[in-house]
């Protein structure tokens, strides 16, 4: 775990907001496209496509994709490609490890 990389990823307000939004997908993304709903529920529960995240934060899709990549490189997100769409969800195991480490070291 690269603690500094995680802290840098979370230091951007929009990236932090994305993490907050993905914490409660059902509430924050109620109108997510139904196209792959069955696949997502079966194979990648809690995944949200880039387009839905982009609509929620109101920035260009290229900017949001960059932010998602930063969060994924830090280990905070997981991704899965389904068809032509990429879905992201929180990596709860890594988040738990990070918060536990902070609790014990700070």
Protein backbone atom coordinates (compact mmCIF):
# COMPACT_ATOMS: atom_id res chain seq x y z
CA UNK A 1 0.00 0.00 0.00
CA UNK A 2 1.36 3.39 -1.02
CA UNK A 3 -0.01 5.68 1.69
CA UNK A 4 1.24 8.87 0.08
CA UNK A 5 -0.33 7.92 -3.26
CA UNK A 6 -3.68 7.32 -1.54
CA UNK A 7 -3.51 10.63 0.31
CA UNK A 8 -2.64 12.47 -2.90
CA UNK A 9 -5.52 10.78 -4.73
CA UNK A 10 -7.96 11.84 -2.02
CA UNK A 11 -6.60 15.40 -1.81
CA UNK A 12 -8.54 16.43 -4.92
CA UNK A 13 -12.10 17.50 -4.06
CA UNK A 14 -13.71 15.81 -7.07
CA UNK A 15 -11.85 12.53 -6.56
CA UNK A 16 -12.91 12.58 -2.91
CA UNK A 17 -16.51 13.28 -3.99
CA UNK A 18 -16.38 10.33 -6.40
CA UNK A 19 -15.35 8.06 -3.54
CA UNK A 20 -18.23 9.40 -1.43
CA UNK A 21 -20.73 8.90 -4.27
CA UNK A 22 -19.59 5.33 -4.88
CA UNK A 23 -20.06 4.50 -1.21
CA UNK A 24 -23.85 4.45 -1.71
CA UNK A 25 -24.46 3.51 -5.34
CA UNK A 26 -28.17 2.75 -4.98
CA UNK A 27 -28.91 6.22 -3.60
CA UNK A 28 -26.48 8.25 -5.69
CA UNK A 29 -26.97 6.48 -9.04
CA UNK A 30 -30.64 5.42 -9.07
CA UNK A 31 -31.08 5.98 -12.81
CA UNK A 32 -27.95 4.14 -13.93
CA UNK A 33 -28.37 2.52 -17.35
CA UNK A 34 -30.17 -0.81 -17.29
CA UNK A 35 -28.17 -2.23 -20.21
CA UNK A 36 -25.83 -4.38 -18.18
CA UNK A 37 -27.68 -4.42 -14.88
CA UNK A 38 -27.84 -8.22 -14.69
CA UNK A 39 -24.15 -8.62 -15.56
CA UNK A 40 -23.13 -5.94 -13.08
CA UNK A 41 -25.20 -7.47 -10.27
CA UNK A 42 -23.84 -10.94 -10.98
CA UNK A 43 -20.22 -10.17 -11.86
CA UNK A 44 -19.37 -6.70 -10.57
CA UNK A 45 -21.86 -5.70 -7.88
CA UNK A 46 -21.76 -1.99 -7.08
CA UNK A 47 -20.12 -1.04 -10.38
CA UNK A 48 -21.01 2.29 -11.98
CA UNK A 49 -20.12 3.25 -15.56
CA UNK A 50 -17.89 6.23 -16.24
CA UNK A 51 -20.72 8.09 -18.00
CA UNK A 52 -22.96 7.96 -14.94
CA UNK A 53 -20.14 9.21 -12.70
CA UNK A 54 -19.34 11.95 -15.21
CA UNK A 55 -22.98 13.14 -15.24
CA UNK A 56 -23.03 13.25 -11.44
CA UNK A 57 -19.85 15.32 -11.02
CA UNK A 58 -20.47 17.52 -14.07
CA UNK A 59 -17.00 17.43 -15.60
CA UNK A 60 -15.80 16.28 -19.01
CA UNK A 61 -15.64 12.51 -19.38
CA UNK A 62 -11.89 12.66 -20.12
CA UNK A 63 -11.27 14.49 -16.83
CA UNK A 64 -13.42 12.03 -14.88
CA UNK A 65 -11.66 9.08 -16.54
CA UNK A 66 -8.32 10.53 -15.45
CA UNK A 67 -9.58 10.93 -11.90
CA UNK A 68 -10.89 7.35 -11.86
CA UNK A 69 -7.53 6.07 -13.11
CA UNK A 70 -5.74 7.96 -10.34
CA UNK A 71 -8.04 6.44 -7.73
CA UNK A 72 -7.56 2.99 -9.24
CA UNK A 73 -3.76 3.31 -9.30
CA UNK A 74 -3.93 4.26 -5.61
CA UNK A 75 -5.85 1.02 -5.00
CA UNK A 76 -9.08 2.72 -3.95
CA UNK A 77 -11.14 1.58 -6.95
CA UNK A 78 -11.56 -1.60 -8.97
CA UNK A 79 -12.72 -1.64 -12.58
CA UNK A 80 -14.27 -4.07 -15.02
CA UNK A 81 -14.92 -3.70 -18.71
CA UNK A 82 -18.31 -4.99 -19.89
CA UNK A 83 -18.82 -4.54 -23.61
CA UNK A 84 -17.66 -1.06 -24.54
CA UNK A 85 -18.26 0.34 -21.05
CA UNK A 86 -15.94 0.42 -18.05
CA UNK A 87 -17.48 0.16 -14.60
CA UNK A 88 -15.86 1.22 -11.34
CA UNK A 89 -16.53 0.35 -7.72
CA UNK A 90 -14.80 0.99 -4.43
CA UNK A 91 -12.10 -1.43 -3.30
CA UNK A 92 -13.46 -1.82 0.22
CA UNK A 93 -10.69 -4.18 1.30
CA UNK A 94 -7.99 -1.61 0.43
CA UNK A 95 -10.00 1.25 1.96
CA UNK A 96 -10.37 -0.73 5.19
CA UNK A 97 -6.64 -1.50 5.28
CA UNK A 98 -5.81 2.16 4.67
CA UNK A 99 -8.12 3.47 7.40
CA UNK A 100 -6.85 0.85 9.82
CA UNK A 101 -3.25 1.82 9.07
CA UNK A 102 -4.06 5.51 9.62
CA UNK A 103 -5.74 4.71 12.92
CA UNK A 104 -2.67 2.91 14.18
CA UNK A 105 0.05 5.21 12.84
CA UNK A 106 -1.37 8.72 13.34
